[in-house]
C-alpha atoms as a PDB file:
ATOM      1  CA  MET A   1       0.126  -0.155  -0.259  1.00  0.00           C
ATOM      2  CA  GLU A   2       2.312   2.447   0.906  1.00  0.00           C
ATOM      3  CA  GLY A   3       4.222   1.485  -2.370  1.00  0.00           C
ATOM      4  CA  GLU A   4       1.322   2.355  -4.088  1.00  0.00           C
ATOM      5  CA  VAL A   5       1.238   5.675  -2.515  1.00  0.00           C
ATOM      6  CA  THR A   6       4.841   6.720  -2.981  1.00  0.00           C
ATOM      7  CA  LYS A   7       4.426   5.729  -6.494  1.00  0.00           C
ATOM      8  CA  SER A   8       1.325   8.157  -7.302  1.00  0.00           C
ATOM      9  CA  THR A   9       2.843  10.614  -5.472  1.00  0.00           C
ATOM     10  CA  ARG A  10       5.953  10.668  -7.929  1.00  0.00           C
ATOM     11  CA  ASN A  11       3.406  10.586 -11.087  1.00  0.00           C
ATOM     12  CA  GLY A  12       1.738  13.588  -9.533  1.00  0.00           C
ATOM     13  CA  THR A  13       5.125  15.322  -9.072  1.00  0.00           C
ATOM     14  CA  ARG A  14       6.298  14.359 -12.417  1.00  0.00           C
ATOM     15  CA  SER A  15       2.926  15.663 -14.230  1.00  0.00           C
ATOM     16  CA  ASN A  16       3.304  18.823 -12.522  1.00  0.00           C
ATOM     17  CA  GLY A  17       6.941  19.186 -13.737  1.00  0.00           C
ATOM     18  CA  MET A  18       6.029  18.480 -17.104  1.00  0.00           C
ATOM     19  CA  ILE A  19       2.847  20.936 -16.511  1.00  0.00           C
ATOM     20  CA  VAL A  20       5.402  23.935 -15.420  1.00  0.00           C
ATOM     21  CA  ALA A  21       7.485  23.021 -18.142  1.00  0.00           C
ATOM     22  CA  MET A  22       5.365  23.438 -20.789  1.00  0.00           C
ATOM     23  CA  CYS A  23       3.857  26.779 -18.975  1.00  0.00           C
ATOM     24  CA  LEU A  24       7.669  28.051 -19.335  1.00  0.00           C
ATOM     25  CA  SER A  25       7.701  26.801 -22.824  1.00  0.00           C
ATOM     26  CA  PHE A  26       5.051  28.694 -23.741  1.00  0.00           C
ATOM     27  CA  VAL A  27       5.807  31.804 -21.961  1.00  0.00           C
ATOM     28  CA  VAL A  28       9.396  32.031 -23.498  1.00  0.00           C
ATOM     29  CA  GLY A  29       7.633  31.256 -27.152  1.00  0.00           C
ATOM     30  CA  MET A  30       5.009  34.011 -26.573  1.00  0.00           C
ATOM     31  CA  SER A  31       7.910  36.381 -25.817  1.00  0.00           C
ATOM     32  CA  ALA A  32       9.704  35.620 -28.520  1.00  0.00           C
ATOM     33  CA  MET A  33       7.013  36.421 -30.757  1.00  0.00           C
ATOM     34  CA  CYS A  34       6.413  39.546 -29.357  1.00  0.00           C
ATOM     35  CA  ALA A  35      10.112  40.507 -29.895  1.00  0.00           C
ATOM     36  CA  ALA A  36       9.942  39.544 -33.633  1.00  0.00           C
ATOM     37  CA  ALA A  37       6.372  40.899 -33.969  1.00  0.00           C
ATOM     38  CA  VAL A  38       7.392  44.711 -34.407  1.00  0.00           C
ATOM     39  CA  PRO A  39      10.346  44.416 -36.880  1.00  0.00           C
ATOM     40  CA  LEU A  40       7.843  42.016 -38.995  1.00  0.00           C
ATOM     41  CA  TYR A  41       4.989  44.395 -38.709  1.00  0.00           C
ATOM     42  CA  ARG A  42       7.293  47.524 -39.529  1.00  0.00           C
ATOM     43  CA  MET A  43       8.670  45.350 -42.914  1.00  0.00           C
ATOM     44  CA  PHE A  44       5.373  44.309 -43.603  1.00  0.00           C
ATOM     45  CA  CYS A  45       4.081  48.481 -43.466  1.00  0.00           C
ATOM     46  CA  GLN A  46       7.696  49.365 -45.354  1.00  0.00           C
ATOM     47  CA  VAL A  47       6.664  46.476 -48.629  1.00  0.00           C
ATOM     48  CA  THR A  48       2.884  46.810 -48.475  1.00  0.00           C
ATOM     49  CA  GLY A  49       2.775  51.030 -47.540  1.00  0.00           C
ATOM     50  CA  TYR A  50       0.272  50.014 -44.964  1.00  0.00           C
ATOM     51  CA  ASN A  51      -1.010  52.397 -42.694  1.00  0.00           C
ATOM     52  CA  GLY A  52       0.455  55.198 -44.285  1.00  0.00           C
ATOM     53  CA  THR A  53       4.286  53.687 -44.160  1.00  0.00           C
ATOM     54  CA  THR A  54       6.471  55.323 -47.772  1.00  0.00           C
ATOM     55  CA  GLN A  55       8.323  53.565 -49.451  1.00  0.00           C
ATOM     56  CA  ARG A  56      12.463  53.506 -49.791  1.00  0.00           C
ATOM     57  CA  VAL A  57      13.674  53.564 -53.639  1.00  0.00           C
ATOM     58  CA  GLU A  58      17.200  53.805 -55.141  1.00  0.00           C
ATOM     59  CA  GLN A  59      16.378  56.041 -58.251  1.00  0.00           C
ATOM     60  CA  VAL A  60      14.099  58.721 -59.556  1.00  0.00           C
ATOM     61  CA  SER A  61      10.863  57.763 -61.506  1.00  0.00           C
ATOM     62  CA  ASN A  62      11.625  58.090 -65.754  1.00  0.00           C
ATOM     63  CA  LEU A  63       7.899  58.757 -65.714  1.00  0.00           C
ATOM     64  CA  ILE A  64       6.292  62.277 -65.336  1.00  0.00           C
ATOM     65  CA  LEU A  65       2.617  63.266 -65.354  1.00  0.00           C
ATOM     66  CA  ASP A  66       1.129  66.281 -67.117  1.00  0.00           C
ATOM     67  CA  LYS A  67      -0.954  66.281 -63.660  1.00  0.00           C
ATOM     68  CA  GLN A  68       0.101  67.998 -60.321  1.00  0.00           C
ATOM     69  CA  ILE A  69      -0.716  66.732 -56.832  1.00  0.00           C
ATOM     70  CA  GLN A  70      -0.241  68.665 -53.354  1.00  0.00           C
ATOM     71  CA  VAL A  71       2.075  67.554 -50.797  1.00  0.00           C
ATOM     72  CA  SER A  72       1.821  68.807 -47.029  1.00  0.00           C
ATOM     73  CA  PHE A  73       4.296  68.811 -44.751  1.00  0.00           C
ATOM     74  CA  ASP A  74       4.069  68.255 -40.912  1.00  0.00           C
ATOM     75  CA  ALA A  75       6.613  67.858 -38.055  1.00  0.00           C
ATOM     76  CA  ASN A  76       6.472  66.852 -34.730  1.00  0.00           C
ATOM     77  CA  VAL A  77       8.703  66.153 -31.678  1.00  0.00           C
ATOM     78  CA  ALA A  78       7.574  63.556 -28.922  1.00  0.00           C
ATOM     79  CA  PRO A  79       7.819  64.247 -25.062  1.00  0.00           C
ATOM     80  CA  GLY A  80      11.402  63.955 -23.921  1.00  0.00           C
ATOM     81  CA  LEU A  81      12.971  65.471 -26.512  1.00  0.00           C
ATOM     82  CA  PRO A  82      13.650  68.574 -26.323  1.00  0.00           C
ATOM     83  CA  TRP A  83      14.074  69.618 -30.125  1.00  0.00           C
ATOM     84  CA  ASP A  84      12.241  72.241 -32.553  1.00  0.00           C
ATOM     85  CA  PHE A  85      11.487  70.822 -35.525  1.00  0.00           C
ATOM     86  CA  LYS A  86       9.773  72.501 -38.709  1.00  0.00           C
ATOM     87  CA  PRO A  87       9.427  72.053 -42.334  1.00  0.00           C
ATOM     88  CA  LEU A  88      10.828  74.953 -44.294  1.00  0.00           C
ATOM     89  CA  GLN A  89       8.231  74.661 -46.576  1.00  0.00           C
ATOM     90  CA  LYS A  90       4.631  74.347 -45.558  1.00  0.00           C
ATOM     91  CA  SER A  91       3.976  72.365 -49.117  1.00  0.00           C
ATOM     92  CA  VAL A  92       4.927  72.072 -52.641  1.00  0.00           C
ATOM     93  CA  SER A  93       3.228  71.001 -55.882  1.00  0.00           C
ATOM     94  CA  PRO A  94       4.981  68.711 -58.154  1.00  0.00           C
ATOM     95  CA  LYS A  95       3.716  67.082 -61.054  1.00  0.00           C
ATOM     96  CA  ILE A  96       3.076  62.970 -60.713  1.00  0.00           C
ATOM     97  CA  GLY A  97       6.291  61.287 -60.513  1.00  0.00           C
ATOM     98  CA  GLU A  98       8.432  64.374 -60.350  1.00  0.00           C
ATOM     99  CA  THR A  99      11.697  64.350 -57.734  1.00  0.00           C
ATOM    100  CA  VAL A 100      11.618  67.302 -55.686  1.00  0.00           C
ATOM    101  CA  GLU A 101      13.402  67.992 -52.553  1.00  0.00           C
ATOM    102  CA  VAL A 102      12.278  69.838 -49.377  1.00  0.00           C
ATOM    103  CA  LYS A 103      14.306  70.741 -46.331  1.00  0.00           C
ATOM    104  CA  PHE A 104      13.607  70.366 -42.937  1.00  0.00           C
ATOM    105  CA  GLN A 105      15.146  72.242 -39.861  1.00  0.00           C
ATOM    106  CA  ILE A 106      16.291  70.877 -36.250  1.00  0.00           C
ATOM    107  CA  GLU A 107      17.251  72.409 -33.051  1.00  0.00           C
ATOM    108  CA  ASN A 108      18.325  70.854 -30.346  1.00  0.00           C
ATOM    109  CA  LYS A 109      16.781  73.308 -27.356  1.00  0.00           C
ATOM    110  CA  SER A 110      19.252  70.947 -24.610  1.00  0.00           C
ATOM    111  CA  ASP A 111      22.627  71.991 -23.089  1.00  0.00           C
ATOM    112  CA  LYS A 112      23.341  68.052 -23.729  1.00  0.00           C
ATOM    113  CA  MET A 113      23.994  65.816 -26.567  1.00  0.00           C
ATOM    114  CA  GLU A 114      20.434  64.221 -27.739  1.00  0.00           C
ATOM    115  CA  ARG A 115      19.894  61.596 -30.314  1.00  0.00           C
ATOM    116  CA  GLY A 116      16.324  60.809 -31.994  1.00  0.00           C
ATOM    117  CA  GLN A 117      15.054  59.470 -34.729  1.00  0.00           C
ATOM    118  CA  ALA A 118      12.279  60.153 -37.328  1.00  0.00           C
ATOM    119  CA  ILE A 119       9.391  57.932 -37.337  1.00  0.00           C
ATOM    120  CA  PHE A 120       7.225  58.765 -40.385  1.00  0.00           C
ATOM    121  CA  ASN A 121       3.420  58.502 -42.293  1.00  0.00           C
ATOM    122  CA  VAL A 122       1.249  59.672 -45.348  1.00  0.00           C
ATOM    123  CA  THR A 123      -2.310  60.440 -45.440  1.00  0.00           C
ATOM    124  CA  PRO A 124      -4.238  59.494 -46.722  1.00  0.00           C
ATOM    125  CA  LEU A 125      -3.136  56.036 -45.590  1.00  0.00           C
ATOM    126  CA  GLU A 126      -3.948  54.227 -48.998  1.00  0.00           C
ATOM    127  CA  ALA A 127      -1.773  56.554 -50.667  1.00  0.00           C
ATOM    128  CA  GLY A 128       1.456  55.529 -48.650  1.00  0.00           C
ATOM    129  CA  VAL A 129       2.679  53.215 -51.304  1.00  0.00           C
ATOM    130  CA  TYR A 130       3.251  55.140 -53.869  1.00  0.00           C
ATOM    131  CA  PHE A 131       5.077  57.750 -52.035  1.00  0.00           C
ATOM    132  CA  ASN A 132       8.583  56.783 -52.948  1.00  0.00           C
ATOM    133  CA  LYS A 133      11.680  58.304 -50.976  1.00  0.00           C
ATOM    134  CA  VAL A 134      15.075  58.435 -52.294  1.00  0.00           C
ATOM    135  CA  GLN A 135      16.652  59.913 -49.579  1.00  0.00           C
ATOM    136  CA  CYS A 136      15.948  61.325 -46.080  1.00  0.00           C
ATOM    137  CA  PHE A 137      17.494  62.154 -42.918  1.00  0.00           C
ATOM    138  CA  CYS A 138      14.887  59.491 -41.260  1.00  0.00           C
ATOM    139  CA  PHE A 139      16.762  56.578 -42.885  1.00  0.00           C
ATOM    140  CA  ASN A 140      18.972  57.023 -39.935  1.00  0.00           C
ATOM    141  CA  GLU A 141      19.321  58.263 -36.331  1.00  0.00           C
ATOM    142  CA  THR A 142      20.489  61.821 -35.953  1.00  0.00           C
ATOM    143  CA  ASP A 143      23.053  63.695 -33.395  1.00  0.00           C
ATOM    144  CA  LEU A 144      22.665  67.415 -32.264  1.00  0.00           C
ATOM    145  CA  ALA A 145      25.296  68.759 -30.188  1.00  0.00           C
ATOM    146  CA  PRO A 146      24.028  70.910 -27.634  1.00  0.00           C
ATOM    147  CA  GLY A 147      22.120  74.076 -29.147  1.00  0.00           C
ATOM    148  CA  GLU A 148      23.070  72.746 -32.846  1.00  0.00           C
ATOM    149  CA  LYS A 149      20.682  73.699 -35.566  1.00  0.00           C
ATOM    150  CA  ARG A 150      20.623  71.951 -38.897  1.00  0.00           C
ATOM    151  CA  GLU A 151      18.929  71.376 -42.174  1.00  0.00           C
ATOM    152  CA  MET A 152      18.441  68.560 -43.366  1.00  0.00           C
ATOM    153  CA  SER A 153      16.682  66.812 -46.498  1.00  0.00           C
ATOM    154  CA  VAL A 154      14.028  64.037 -47.821  1.00  0.00           C
ATOM    155  CA  VAL A 155      13.704  63.629 -51.578  1.00  0.00           C
ATOM    156  CA  PHE A 156      10.908  61.859 -52.950  1.00  0.00           C
ATOM    157  CA  TYR A 157       8.426  61.413 -56.089  1.00  0.00           C
ATOM    158  CA  VAL A 158       5.025  60.025 -55.818  1.00  0.00           C
ATOM    159  CA  ASP A 159       4.579  57.160 -58.260  1.00  0.00           C
ATOM    160  CA  PRO A 160       2.827  57.570 -61.410  1.00  0.00           C
ATOM    161  CA  GLU A 161       0.622  54.335 -60.386  1.00  0.00           C
ATOM    162  CA  ILE A 162      -1.359  56.145 -57.528  1.00  0.00           C
ATOM    163  CA  ALA A 163      -3.149  58.206 -61.387  1.00  0.00           C
ATOM    164  CA  LYS A 164      -4.520  54.480 -61.563  1.00  0.00           C
ATOM    165  CA  ALA A 165      -5.541  52.641 -58.898  1.00  0.00           C
ATOM    166  CA  PRO A 166      -9.115  52.735 -58.573  1.00  0.00           C
ATOM    167  CA  GLU A 167      -8.920  53.913 -54.825  1.00  0.00           C
ATOM    168  CA  THR A 168      -6.123  56.761 -55.025  1.00  0.00           C
ATOM    169  CA  LYS A 169      -6.682  58.018 -58.698  1.00  0.00           C
ATOM    170  CA  THR A 170      -8.963  60.950 -57.162  1.00  0.00           C
ATOM    171  CA  ILE A 171      -6.271  61.577 -54.584  1.00  0.00           C
ATOM    172  CA  ASN A 172      -4.722  65.396 -55.454  1.00  0.00           C
ATOM    173  CA  ALA A 173      -3.185  65.862 -51.988  1.00  0.00           C
ATOM    174  CA  LEU A 174      -0.609  64.170 -49.725  1.00  0.00           C
ATOM    175  CA  THR A 175       0.589  65.076 -46.117  1.00  0.00           C
ATOM    176  CA  LEU A 176       4.166  63.940 -45.020  1.00  0.00           C
ATOM    177  CA  SER A 177       3.917  63.613 -41.246  1.00  0.00           C
ATOM    178  CA  TYR A 178       7.028  63.092 -38.711  1.00  0.00           C
ATOM    179  CA  THR A 179       7.399  62.773 -35.346  1.00  0.00           C
ATOM    180  CA  TYR A 180      11.058  62.643 -33.609  1.00  0.00           C
ATOM    181  CA  TYR A 181      11.232  59.936 -30.870  1.00  0.00           C
ATOM    182  CA  PRO A 182      14.340  60.022 -28.313  1.00  0.00           C
ATOM    183  CA  ARG A 183      16.634  57.467 -29.087  1.00  0.00           C
ATOM    184  CA  GLU A 184      19.606  56.428 -26.369  1.00  0.00           C
ATOM    185  CA  GLY A 185      23.312  57.137 -27.220  1.00  0.00           C
ATOM    186  CA  THR A 186      25.534  59.374 -28.273  1.00  0.00           C
ATOM    187  CA  LYS A 187      27.578  57.715 -30.844  1.00  0.00           C
ATOM    188  CA  PRO A 188      27.349  60.365 -34.067  1.00  0.00           C
ATOM    189  CA  VAL A 189      25.615  58.711 -37.219  1.00  0.00           C
ATOM    190  CA  ALA A 190      28.260  59.260 -39.953  1.00  0.00           C
ATOM    191  CA  SER A 191      25.814  59.246 -42.687  1.00  0.00           C
ATOM    192  CA  ASN A 192      23.437  61.753 -41.359  1.00  0.00           C
ATOM    193  CA  ASP A 193      25.836  64.401 -42.795  1.00  0.00           C
ATOM    194  CA  ALA A 194      24.942  62.876 -46.124  1.00  0.00           C
ATOM    195  CA  ALA A 195      21.461  63.008 -45.567  1.00  0.00           C
ATOM    196  CA  GLY A 196      21.932  66.905 -44.838  1.00  0.00           C
ATOM    197  CA  ARG A 197      23.919  67.539 -48.377  1.00  0.00           C
ATOM    198  CA  PRO A 198      22.013  68.732 -51.537  1.00  0.00           C
ATOM    199  CA  VAL A 199      21.395  66.439 -54.520  1.00  0.00           C
ATOM    200  CA  GLU A 200      23.463  66.474 -57.064  1.00  0.00           C
ATOM    201  CA  LYS A 201      20.820  65.803 -59.397  1.00  0.00           C
ATOM    202  CA  LYS A 202      16.911  66.705 -59.457  1.00  0.00           C
ATOM    203  CA  LEU A 203      14.351  66.743 -62.076  1.00  0.00           C
END
């Protein structure tokens, strides 16, 4: 009888151990999925233009339509980053497919080095997939010395396909919005110098 009780106790302990192990495995698996969710979602948005995410391209458009589209600019800074950030032009009206350059001004109002990175989107959201960036300060983190003021550029064009798609062909105005968020670290990003230089060739 005692042997049976001991055996039953061991089996119960073993079962409890298996349940604990399964729960721990589930927690670890869910944590890994959560960690992967953000970059996967970001990649999905970049590929599909979902949620107004713009596209990054390596070359300019070779087709320019005889139709203009107004592009307005919105600049914001998230709490925790003591910067002033604004576009030097409130809006532009390029032809669809025309490559244009627009400058933004940013200033560190604090007495210490600050790092930030700009997150962006386009509205209407369905137009994001047709908004192509050739060059943008938002591709890299930005470091500003105490009191530093800098001009930085975004070079873009609106894909002519926007005039064909049923859901976007009636759109004649877009808004490109940026929000700078604080990032940790103070190591300078050399590529930001290139982002601030004017483009040599512009259509």
